[in-house]
Amino acid sequence: MRTLPSPSGRAQHSQTFWMMRKNNIEILFKTHYTRLYRLAASLLYDDDEARDAVSEVFSRLIAKNISLLPDTAETYLLTAVRNQCRNMIERKQVHERFLRLLSEKATEPQADDNDNLRMAELMQYVEEHLTPMNQQVFQLRFLQEMTCQEVANALGISRMTVHNHLRESIEKIRSFFISIQ
């Protein structure tokens, strides 16, 4: 007859499994970090963003409880970092286009009534349809012209979280303006 382990035995087993998993991730991190960082830095041209990209990949490994086989771990990690960098570059390009659009409108000597109306619609949409955190990130980044790192420091969140809020906000704003054209 088979007996079930006591509840404390299950908890101990779970804790042992987590410690083994944590040790494996630490080993993967220490083994591959330098190569992954160099790849990210070569794609992003920014040391801080490169560190963020590699950290995000390892965060996802932990959060999604992904287990890697030793013979495919390096390939998986390199691909994941490359994809993370591509996503970051794409988001950055969207933000830069949006900033350019905003700055072009702000620097025009005589903005016509249509431009003023669209800007008013934009601000009304931001206030009515974005979450409070998205509004705050959007306003700090675009209206107060803070960098993403400055926004992150001001709000006590990661720069990646700032990028995620901006991406979400810009997607909603883009959909709104497409729908009213």
N, C-alpha and C. Protein backbone atom coordinates (compact mmCIF):
# COMPACT_ATOMS: atom_id res chain seq x y z
N MET A 1 0.84 -1.18 0.00
CA MET A 1 0.00 0.00 0.00
C MET A 1 0.88 1.24 0.00
N ARG A 2 0.55 2.17 -0.84
CA ARG A 2 1.33 3.39 -1.01
C ARG A 2 0.76 4.50 -0.13
N THR A 3 1.62 5.21 0.55
CA THR A 3 1.15 6.31 1.40
C THR A 3 1.52 7.64 0.75
N LEU A 4 0.66 8.58 0.92
CA LEU A 4 0.91 9.92 0.41
C LEU A 4 1.81 10.67 1.36
N PRO A 5 2.69 11.50 0.82
CA PRO A 5 3.53 12.29 1.72
C PRO A 5 2.68 13.27 2.49
N SER A 6 3.15 13.61 3.65
CA SER A 6 2.43 14.58 4.48
C SER A 6 2.43 15.94 3.79
N PRO A 7 1.48 16.82 4.14
CA PRO A 7 1.47 18.15 3.53
C PRO A 7 2.81 18.86 3.68
N SER A 8 3.45 18.72 4.82
CA SER A 8 4.74 19.37 4.97
C SER A 8 5.77 18.72 4.04
N GLY A 9 5.62 17.43 3.76
CA GLY A 9 6.50 16.75 2.82
C GLY A 9 6.32 17.28 1.41
N ARG A 10 5.05 17.55 1.03
CA ARG A 10 4.78 18.14 -0.29
C ARG A 10 5.40 19.52 -0.40
N ALA A 11 5.24 20.31 0.64
CA ALA A 11 5.79 21.66 0.62
C ALA A 11 7.31 21.60 0.52
N GLN A 12 7.91 20.66 1.23
CA GLN A 12 9.36 20.53 1.20
C GLN A 12 9.80 20.09 -0.20
N HIS A 13 9.05 19.16 -0.83
CA HIS A 13 9.36 18.71 -2.19
C HIS A 13 9.25 19.88 -3.15
N SER A 14 8.21 20.68 -3.02
CA SER A 14 8.01 21.83 -3.89
C SER A 14 9.15 22.84 -3.70
N GLN A 15 9.55 23.06 -2.46
CA GLN A 15 10.63 23.99 -2.19
C GLN A 15 11.94 23.46 -2.76
N THR A 16 12.17 22.16 -2.64
CA THR A 16 13.38 21.55 -3.20
C THR A 16 13.38 21.69 -4.71
N PHE A 17 12.22 21.45 -5.35
CA PHE A 17 12.11 21.60 -6.80
C PHE A 17 12.43 23.04 -7.20
N TRP A 18 11.87 24.01 -6.47
CA TRP A 18 12.12 25.43 -6.79
C TRP A 18 13.61 25.75 -6.65
N MET A 19 14.25 25.24 -5.60
CA MET A 19 15.67 25.52 -5.39
C MET A 19 16.50 24.92 -6.53
N MET A 20 16.13 23.70 -6.99
CA MET A 20 16.83 23.08 -8.11
C MET A 20 16.62 23.92 -9.37
N ARG A 21 15.39 24.36 -9.59
CA ARG A 21 15.07 25.17 -10.76
C ARG A 21 15.81 26.49 -10.71
N LYS A 22 15.81 27.12 -9.55
CA LYS A 22 16.49 28.40 -9.38
C LYS A 22 18.00 28.22 -9.64
N ASN A 23 18.57 27.15 -9.14
CA ASN A 23 19.99 26.88 -9.38
C ASN A 23 20.27 26.68 -10.86
N ASN A 24 19.36 25.96 -11.55
CA ASN A 24 19.55 25.74 -12.99
C ASN A 24 19.49 27.05 -13.76
N ILE A 25 18.57 27.92 -13.41
CA ILE A 25 18.45 29.21 -14.09
C ILE A 25 19.68 30.07 -13.80
N GLU A 26 20.15 30.02 -12.55
CA GLU A 26 21.37 30.76 -12.21
C GLU A 26 22.56 30.26 -13.03
N ILE A 27 22.65 28.96 -13.19
CA ILE A 27 23.75 28.38 -13.99
C ILE A 27 23.62 28.82 -15.44
N LEU A 28 22.40 28.75 -15.99
CA LEU A 28 22.18 29.22 -17.36
C LEU A 28 22.57 30.69 -17.49
N PHE A 29 22.15 31.50 -16.53
CA PHE A 29 22.44 32.92 -16.55
C PHE A 29 23.95 33.17 -16.55
N LYS A 30 24.64 32.54 -15.61
CA LYS A 30 26.09 32.75 -15.50
C LYS A 30 26.83 32.21 -16.72
N THR A 31 26.37 31.13 -17.27
CA THR A 31 27.03 30.51 -18.42
C THR A 31 26.85 31.32 -19.70
N HIS A 32 25.65 31.85 -19.92
CA HIS A 32 25.33 32.45 -21.22
C HIS A 32 25.20 33.97 -21.21
N TYR A 33 25.22 34.60 -20.05
CA TYR A 33 24.93 36.03 -19.97
C TYR A 33 25.82 36.86 -20.89
N THR A 34 27.13 36.65 -20.85
CA THR A 34 28.05 37.49 -21.62
C THR A 34 27.73 37.43 -23.10
N ARG A 35 27.53 36.24 -23.62
CA ARG A 35 27.22 36.11 -25.05
C ARG A 35 25.87 36.74 -25.39
N LEU A 36 24.88 36.52 -24.52
CA LEU A 36 23.55 37.09 -24.76
C LEU A 36 23.60 38.62 -24.69
N TYR A 37 24.34 39.14 -23.73
CA TYR A 37 24.48 40.59 -23.59
C TYR A 37 25.15 41.19 -24.83
N ARG A 38 26.23 40.54 -25.30
CA ARG A 38 26.92 41.05 -26.50
C ARG A 38 25.98 41.08 -27.71
N LEU A 39 25.18 40.03 -27.86
CA LEU A 39 24.22 39.98 -28.96
C LEU A 39 23.24 41.14 -28.84
N ALA A 40 22.67 41.33 -27.66
CA ALA A 40 21.69 42.40 -27.45
C ALA A 40 22.33 43.77 -27.67
N ALA A 41 23.54 43.97 -27.16
CA ALA A 41 24.22 45.26 -27.32
C ALA A 41 24.52 45.54 -28.79
N SER A 42 24.84 44.50 -29.55
CA SER A 42 25.13 44.71 -30.98
C SER A 42 23.87 45.05 -31.77
N LEU A 43 22.72 44.62 -31.28
CA LEU A 43 21.46 44.92 -31.97
C LEU A 43 20.85 46.24 -31.51
N LEU A 44 21.01 46.57 -30.23
CA LEU A 44 20.32 47.73 -29.66
C LEU A 44 21.21 48.98 -29.55
N TYR A 45 22.51 48.80 -29.58
CA TYR A 45 23.46 49.91 -29.44
C TYR A 45 23.26 50.69 -28.14
N ASP A 46 22.80 50.03 -27.10
CA ASP A 46 22.56 50.69 -25.82
C ASP A 46 22.77 49.66 -24.71
N ASP A 47 23.72 49.93 -23.83
CA ASP A 47 24.07 48.97 -22.78
C ASP A 47 22.90 48.69 -21.84
N ASP A 48 22.19 49.74 -21.42
CA ASP A 48 21.07 49.54 -20.50
C ASP A 48 19.96 48.72 -21.14
N GLU A 49 19.63 49.04 -22.38
CA GLU A 49 18.59 48.29 -23.06
C GLU A 49 19.02 46.85 -23.31
N ALA A 50 20.31 46.63 -23.57
CA ALA A 50 20.81 45.27 -23.76
C ALA A 50 20.64 44.46 -22.48
N ARG A 51 20.99 45.06 -21.34
CA ARG A 51 20.80 44.37 -20.06
C ARG A 51 19.31 44.09 -19.82
N ASP A 52 18.45 45.07 -20.14
CA ASP A 52 17.01 44.88 -19.98
C ASP A 52 16.50 43.71 -20.84
N ALA A 53 16.99 43.63 -22.07
CA ALA A 53 16.54 42.57 -22.98
C ALA A 53 16.91 41.19 -22.43
N VAL A 54 18.14 41.03 -21.99
CA VAL A 54 18.58 39.74 -21.45
C VAL A 54 17.80 39.42 -20.17
N SER A 55 17.64 40.41 -19.32
CA SER A 55 16.90 40.20 -18.07
C SER A 55 15.45 39.79 -18.35
N GLU A 56 14.85 40.42 -19.34
CA GLU A 56 13.46 40.09 -19.69
C GLU A 56 13.34 38.64 -20.14
N VAL A 57 14.30 38.15 -20.89
CA VAL A 57 14.28 36.76 -21.34
C VAL A 57 14.34 35.82 -20.14
N PHE A 58 15.23 36.09 -19.21
CA PHE A 58 15.33 35.23 -18.03
C PHE A 58 14.10 35.38 -17.14
N SER A 59 13.53 36.57 -17.07
CA SER A 59 12.30 36.76 -16.29
C SER A 59 11.18 35.91 -16.86
N ARG A 60 11.08 35.86 -18.18
CA ARG A 60 10.06 35.04 -18.81
C ARG A 60 10.28 33.55 -18.55
N LEU A 61 11.55 33.14 -18.53
CA LEU A 61 11.84 31.74 -18.20
C LEU A 61 11.26 31.38 -16.84
N ILE A 62 11.45 32.27 -15.89
CA ILE A 62 10.97 32.02 -14.53
C ILE A 62 9.45 32.12 -14.48
N ALA A 63 8.90 33.20 -15.02
CA ALA A 63 7.46 33.45 -14.93
C ALA A 63 6.64 32.36 -15.63
N LYS A 64 7.11 31.91 -16.77
CA LYS A 64 6.36 30.91 -17.54
C LYS A 64 6.80 29.48 -17.22
N ASN A 65 7.72 29.36 -16.25
CA ASN A 65 8.19 28.05 -15.81
C ASN A 65 8.69 27.20 -16.98
N ILE A 66 9.50 27.81 -17.83
CA ILE A 66 10.03 27.14 -19.01
C ILE A 66 11.27 26.35 -18.62
N SER A 67 11.29 25.09 -19.00
CA SER A 67 12.46 24.24 -18.76
C SER A 67 13.19 24.05 -20.08
N LEU A 68 14.50 24.18 -20.03
CA LEU A 68 15.31 24.04 -21.24
C LEU A 68 16.17 22.79 -21.16
N LEU A 69 16.32 22.13 -22.29
CA LEU A 69 17.23 21.00 -22.36
C LEU A 69 18.64 21.54 -22.52
N PRO A 70 19.61 20.90 -21.89
CA PRO A 70 20.98 21.41 -21.95
C PRO A 70 21.51 21.59 -23.37
N ASP A 71 21.18 20.70 -24.28
CA ASP A 71 21.73 20.79 -25.63
C ASP A 71 21.05 21.86 -26.49
N THR A 72 19.90 22.37 -26.08
CA THR A 72 19.21 23.41 -26.86
C THR A 72 19.10 24.74 -26.12
N ALA A 73 19.60 24.81 -24.90
CA ALA A 73 19.44 26.02 -24.08
C ALA A 73 20.07 27.24 -24.73
N GLU A 74 21.31 27.11 -25.21
CA GLU A 74 21.99 28.27 -25.79
C GLU A 74 21.26 28.78 -27.03
N THR A 75 20.84 27.88 -27.90
CA THR A 75 20.12 28.28 -29.11
C THR A 75 18.81 28.97 -28.75
N TYR A 76 18.08 28.40 -27.79
CA TYR A 76 16.83 29.00 -27.35
C TYR A 76 17.07 30.41 -26.81
N LEU A 77 18.06 30.54 -25.92
CA LEU A 77 18.34 31.84 -25.30
C LEU A 77 18.77 32.88 -26.33
N LEU A 78 19.62 32.50 -27.26
CA LEU A 78 20.05 33.45 -28.30
C LEU A 78 18.87 33.91 -29.15
N THR A 79 18.01 32.97 -29.51
CA THR A 79 16.83 33.31 -30.31
C THR A 79 15.88 34.20 -29.51
N ALA A 80 15.69 33.87 -28.24
CA ALA A 80 14.79 34.67 -27.40
C ALA A 80 15.32 36.10 -27.23
N VAL A 81 16.62 36.25 -27.04
CA VAL A 81 17.20 37.59 -26.89
C VAL A 81 17.08 38.35 -28.21
N ARG A 82 17.36 37.69 -29.32
CA ARG A 82 17.24 38.36 -30.63
C ARG A 82 15.80 38.83 -30.84
N ASN A 83 14.83 38.00 -30.54
CA ASN A 83 13.42 38.38 -30.71
C ASN A 83 13.03 39.51 -29.76
N GLN A 84 13.52 39.45 -28.53
CA GLN A 84 13.25 40.52 -27.57
C GLN A 84 13.82 41.85 -28.08
N CYS A 85 15.02 41.81 -28.62
CA CYS A 85 15.64 43.03 -29.18
C CYS A 85 14.83 43.56 -30.36
N ARG A 86 14.38 42.66 -31.23
CA ARG A 86 13.55 43.09 -32.36
C ARG A 86 12.28 43.78 -31.88
N ASN A 87 11.64 43.20 -30.86
CA ASN A 87 10.43 43.81 -30.30
C ASN A 87 10.73 45.19 -29.73
N MET A 88 11.84 45.30 -29.02
CA MET A 88 12.21 46.59 -28.43
C MET A 88 12.49 47.63 -29.52
N ILE A 89 13.17 47.23 -30.58
CA ILE A 89 13.46 48.14 -31.69
C ILE A 89 12.16 48.59 -32.36
N GLU A 90 11.26 47.64 -32.58
CA GLU A 90 9.98 47.98 -33.21
C GLU A 90 9.19 48.97 -32.36
N ARG A 91 9.13 48.72 -31.04
CA ARG A 91 8.43 49.65 -30.15
C ARG A 91 9.08 51.02 -30.16
N LYS A 92 10.40 51.03 -30.18
CA LYS A 92 11.12 52.30 -30.18
C LYS A 92 10.82 53.08 -31.47
N GLN A 93 10.75 52.39 -32.59
CA GLN A 93 10.45 53.05 -33.86
C GLN A 93 9.05 53.65 -33.84
N VAL A 94 8.10 52.93 -33.29
CA VAL A 94 6.73 53.46 -33.18
C VAL A 94 6.72 54.70 -32.31
N HIS A 95 7.42 54.65 -31.18
CA HIS A 95 7.47 55.81 -30.28
C HIS A 95 8.15 57.00 -30.94
N GLU A 96 9.23 56.75 -31.68
CA GLU A 96 9.93 57.84 -32.35
C GLU A 96 9.06 58.48 -33.42
N ARG A 97 8.32 57.67 -34.15
CA ARG A 97 7.41 58.24 -35.17
C ARG A 97 6.34 59.08 -34.51
N PHE A 98 5.81 58.59 -33.39
CA PHE A 98 4.79 59.33 -32.67
C PHE A 98 5.36 60.65 -32.15
N LEU A 99 6.57 60.61 -31.59
CA LEU A 99 7.22 61.82 -31.10
C LEU A 99 7.46 62.82 -32.24
N ARG A 100 7.90 62.30 -33.37
CA ARG A 100 8.13 63.17 -34.53
C ARG A 100 6.83 63.85 -34.95
N LEU A 101 5.74 63.08 -34.98
CA LEU A 101 4.45 63.63 -35.34
C LEU A 101 4.04 64.72 -34.35
N LEU A 102 4.19 64.44 -33.07
CA LEU A 102 3.85 65.44 -32.05
C LEU A 102 4.72 66.69 -32.17
N SER A 103 6.03 66.49 -32.39
CA SER A 103 6.93 67.64 -32.46
C SER A 103 6.68 68.44 -33.73
N GLU A 104 6.35 67.78 -34.84
CA GLU A 104 6.04 68.51 -36.07
C GLU A 104 4.82 69.39 -35.86
N LYS A 105 3.82 68.85 -35.18
CA LYS A 105 2.60 69.63 -34.93
C LYS A 105 2.90 70.80 -33.99
N ALA A 106 3.77 70.57 -33.02
CA ALA A 106 4.06 71.62 -32.04
C ALA A 106 4.92 72.73 -32.63
N THR A 107 5.76 72.41 -33.63
CA THR A 107 6.68 73.41 -34.17
C THR A 107 6.12 74.15 -35.38
N GLU A 108 4.98 73.74 -35.89
CA GLU A 108 4.39 74.46 -37.01
C GLU A 108 4.00 75.86 -36.55
N PRO A 109 4.40 76.90 -37.32
CA PRO A 109 4.14 78.26 -36.87
C PRO A 109 2.66 78.56 -36.69
N GLN A 110 1.83 78.12 -37.61
CA GLN A 110 0.40 78.39 -37.50
C GLN A 110 -0.36 77.08 -37.75
N ALA A 111 -0.61 76.39 -36.69
CA ALA A 111 -1.37 75.16 -36.82
C ALA A 111 -2.81 75.51 -37.14
N ASP A 112 -3.38 74.85 -38.12
CA ASP A 112 -4.74 75.19 -38.48
C ASP A 112 -5.73 74.59 -37.47
N ASP A 113 -6.98 74.98 -37.61
CA ASP A 113 -8.01 74.55 -36.66
C ASP A 113 -8.17 73.03 -36.63
N ASN A 114 -7.98 72.40 -37.78
CA ASN A 114 -8.11 70.95 -37.85
C ASN A 114 -7.06 70.26 -36.96
N ASP A 115 -5.82 70.76 -36.99
CA ASP A 115 -4.76 70.18 -36.14
C ASP A 115 -5.08 70.37 -34.66
N ASN A 116 -5.56 71.56 -34.32
CA ASN A 116 -5.92 71.83 -32.93
C ASN A 116 -7.06 70.93 -32.48
N LEU A 117 -8.02 70.71 -33.37
CA LEU A 117 -9.15 69.84 -33.07
C LEU A 117 -8.67 68.41 -32.84
N ARG A 118 -7.77 67.93 -33.70
CA ARG A 118 -7.25 66.57 -33.56
C ARG A 118 -6.45 66.41 -32.26
N MET A 119 -5.69 67.44 -31.89
CA MET A 119 -4.93 67.36 -30.64
C MET A 119 -5.89 67.34 -29.45
N ALA A 120 -6.95 68.13 -29.52
CA ALA A 120 -7.95 68.13 -28.45
C ALA A 120 -8.63 66.76 -28.37
N GLU A 121 -8.94 66.16 -29.54
CA GLU A 121 -9.53 64.82 -29.56
C GLU A 121 -8.58 63.80 -28.93
N LEU A 122 -7.30 63.94 -29.26
CA LEU A 122 -6.30 63.03 -28.71
C LEU A 122 -6.27 63.12 -27.19
N MET A 123 -6.20 64.33 -26.66
CA MET A 123 -6.11 64.50 -25.21
C MET A 123 -7.40 64.03 -24.52
N GLN A 124 -8.54 64.27 -25.14
CA GLN A 124 -9.80 63.80 -24.58
C GLN A 124 -9.83 62.27 -24.57
N TYR A 125 -9.37 61.66 -25.66
CA TYR A 125 -9.32 60.21 -25.74
C TYR A 125 -8.40 59.64 -24.65
N VAL A 126 -7.23 60.25 -24.49
CA VAL A 126 -6.29 59.80 -23.47
C VAL A 126 -6.94 59.82 -22.09
N GLU A 127 -7.61 60.90 -21.77
CA GLU A 127 -8.23 61.05 -20.45
C GLU A 127 -9.40 60.08 -20.23
N GLU A 128 -10.14 59.79 -21.28
CA GLU A 128 -11.35 58.98 -21.14
C GLU A 128 -11.13 57.47 -21.33
N HIS A 129 -10.11 57.08 -22.11
CA HIS A 129 -10.02 55.67 -22.49
C HIS A 129 -8.75 54.95 -22.03
N LEU A 130 -7.73 55.66 -21.61
CA LEU A 130 -6.53 54.97 -21.15
C LEU A 130 -6.62 54.73 -19.65
N THR A 131 -5.98 53.67 -19.20
CA THR A 131 -5.95 53.39 -17.77
C THR A 131 -5.17 54.50 -17.07
N PRO A 132 -5.38 54.68 -15.78
CA PRO A 132 -4.64 55.74 -15.07
C PRO A 132 -3.12 55.61 -15.23
N MET A 133 -2.60 54.39 -15.17
CA MET A 133 -1.14 54.21 -15.32
C MET A 133 -0.71 54.54 -16.74
N ASN A 134 -1.47 54.11 -17.75
CA ASN A 134 -1.14 54.45 -19.13
C ASN A 134 -1.18 55.96 -19.34
N GLN A 135 -2.17 56.64 -18.75
CA GLN A 135 -2.25 58.10 -18.85
C GLN A 135 -1.01 58.75 -18.25
N GLN A 136 -0.65 58.28 -17.07
CA GLN A 136 0.49 58.88 -16.38
C GLN A 136 1.78 58.67 -17.17
N VAL A 137 2.00 57.47 -17.66
CA VAL A 137 3.20 57.18 -18.45
C VAL A 137 3.18 58.01 -19.73
N PHE A 138 2.05 58.05 -20.40
CA PHE A 138 1.91 58.81 -21.65
C PHE A 138 2.22 60.29 -21.43
N GLN A 139 1.64 60.87 -20.39
CA GLN A 139 1.83 62.30 -20.13
C GLN A 139 3.27 62.61 -19.74
N LEU A 140 3.87 61.78 -18.90
CA LEU A 140 5.26 62.03 -18.52
C LEU A 140 6.19 61.91 -19.73
N ARG A 141 5.94 60.91 -20.56
CA ARG A 141 6.83 60.67 -21.70
C ARG A 141 6.65 61.71 -22.79
N PHE A 142 5.42 62.00 -23.17
CA PHE A 142 5.21 62.83 -24.35
C PHE A 142 4.92 64.30 -24.03
N LEU A 143 4.26 64.58 -22.94
CA LEU A 143 3.93 65.97 -22.62
C LEU A 143 5.03 66.63 -21.80
N GLN A 144 5.62 65.88 -20.88
CA GLN A 144 6.72 66.44 -20.09
C GLN A 144 8.09 66.08 -20.67
N GLU A 145 8.07 65.33 -21.78
CA GLU A 145 9.25 64.97 -22.55
C GLU A 145 10.34 64.30 -21.71
N MET A 146 9.94 63.42 -20.80
CA MET A 146 10.90 62.64 -20.02
C MET A 146 11.35 61.45 -20.85
N THR A 147 12.55 60.97 -20.58
CA THR A 147 13.00 59.74 -21.23
C THR A 147 12.28 58.57 -20.56
N CYS A 148 12.33 57.42 -21.21
CA CYS A 148 11.67 56.24 -20.63
C CYS A 148 12.29 55.88 -19.29
N GLN A 149 13.60 56.04 -19.17
CA GLN A 149 14.26 55.75 -17.90
C GLN A 149 13.80 56.73 -16.82
N GLU A 150 13.65 58.00 -17.17
CA GLU A 150 13.18 59.00 -16.20
C GLU A 150 11.75 58.69 -15.76
N VAL A 151 10.91 58.28 -16.70
CA VAL A 151 9.54 57.90 -16.36
C VAL A 151 9.56 56.70 -15.42
N ALA A 152 10.38 55.71 -15.74
CA ALA A 152 10.48 54.51 -14.91
C ALA A 152 10.91 54.88 -13.49
N ASN A 153 11.91 55.74 -13.38
CA ASN A 153 12.39 56.15 -12.05
C ASN A 153 11.32 56.93 -11.30
N ALA A 154 10.62 57.81 -12.00
CA ALA A 154 9.59 58.63 -11.35
C ALA A 154 8.43 57.79 -10.83
N LEU A 155 8.09 56.72 -11.55
CA LEU A 155 6.94 55.89 -11.17
C LEU A 155 7.33 54.64 -10.40
N GLY A 156 8.63 54.39 -10.28
CA GLY A 156 9.07 53.21 -9.55
C GLY A 156 8.76 51.91 -10.27
N ILE A 157 8.85 51.94 -11.61
CA ILE A 157 8.61 50.74 -12.42
C ILE A 157 9.81 50.54 -13.34
N SER A 158 9.87 49.41 -14.01
CA SER A 158 11.00 49.15 -14.91
C SER A 158 10.79 49.90 -16.22
N ARG A 159 11.89 50.11 -16.91
CA ARG A 159 11.81 50.77 -18.21
C ARG A 159 11.01 49.92 -19.19
N MET A 160 11.12 48.60 -19.06
CA MET A 160 10.36 47.72 -19.93
C MET A 160 8.87 47.89 -19.70
N THR A 161 8.47 48.09 -18.45
CA THR A 161 7.06 48.32 -18.14
C THR A 161 6.61 49.64 -18.76
N VAL A 162 7.47 50.65 -18.72
CA VAL A 162 7.15 51.93 -19.38
C VAL A 162 6.91 51.70 -20.86
N HIS A 163 7.81 50.95 -21.51
CA HIS A 163 7.65 50.65 -22.94
C HIS A 163 6.34 49.91 -23.20
N ASN A 164 6.00 48.98 -22.34
CA ASN A 164 4.75 48.22 -22.51
C ASN A 164 3.53 49.13 -22.40
N HIS A 165 3.52 50.04 -21.42
CA HIS A 165 2.40 50.97 -21.27
C HIS A 165 2.32 51.90 -22.47
N LEU A 166 3.45 52.38 -22.96
CA LEU A 166 3.45 53.27 -24.13
C LEU A 166 2.95 52.54 -25.37
N ARG A 167 3.40 51.31 -25.55
CA ARG A 167 2.96 50.54 -26.72
C ARG A 167 1.45 50.35 -26.68
N GLU A 168 0.94 49.97 -25.51
CA GLU A 168 -0.50 49.76 -25.36
C GLU A 168 -1.27 51.06 -25.65
N SER A 169 -0.78 52.17 -25.10
CA SER A 169 -1.44 53.46 -25.30
C SER A 169 -1.44 53.86 -26.77
N ILE A 170 -0.29 53.72 -27.41
CA ILE A 170 -0.17 54.13 -28.81
C ILE A 170 -1.05 53.26 -29.71
N GLU A 171 -1.13 51.97 -29.42
CA GLU A 171 -2.00 51.09 -30.20
C GLU A 171 -3.46 51.52 -30.07
N LYS A 172 -3.89 51.86 -28.85
CA LYS A 172 -5.27 52.31 -28.65
C LYS A 172 -5.51 53.64 -29.36
N ILE A 173 -4.58 54.55 -29.25
CA ILE A 173 -4.73 55.86 -29.90
C ILE A 173 -4.76 55.70 -31.42
N ARG A 174 -3.88 54.86 -31.94
CA ARG A 174 -3.84 54.62 -33.39
C ARG A 174 -5.19 54.06 -33.86
N SER A 175 -5.73 53.08 -33.14
CA SER A 175 -7.03 52.49 -33.51
C SER A 175 -8.13 53.54 -33.48
N PHE A 176 -8.09 54.40 -32.47
CA PHE A 176 -9.09 55.47 -32.37
C PHE A 176 -9.03 56.39 -33.58
N PHE A 177 -7.83 56.86 -33.94
CA PHE A 177 -7.71 57.79 -35.06
C PHE A 177 -8.04 57.13 -36.39
N ILE A 178 -7.75 55.85 -36.53
CA ILE A 178 -8.11 55.14 -37.75
C ILE A 178 -9.63 55.05 -37.86
N SER A 179 -10.28 54.81 -36.72
CA SER A 179 -11.74 54.65 -36.74
C SER A 179 -12.49 55.95 -37.03
N ILE A 180 -11.88 57.11 -36.75
CA ILE A 180 -12.60 58.37 -36.99
C ILE A 180 -12.27 58.99 -38.34
N GLN A 181 -11.40 58.35 -39.10
CA GLN A 181 -11.06 58.92 -40.42
C GLN A 181 -12.08 58.56 -41.46
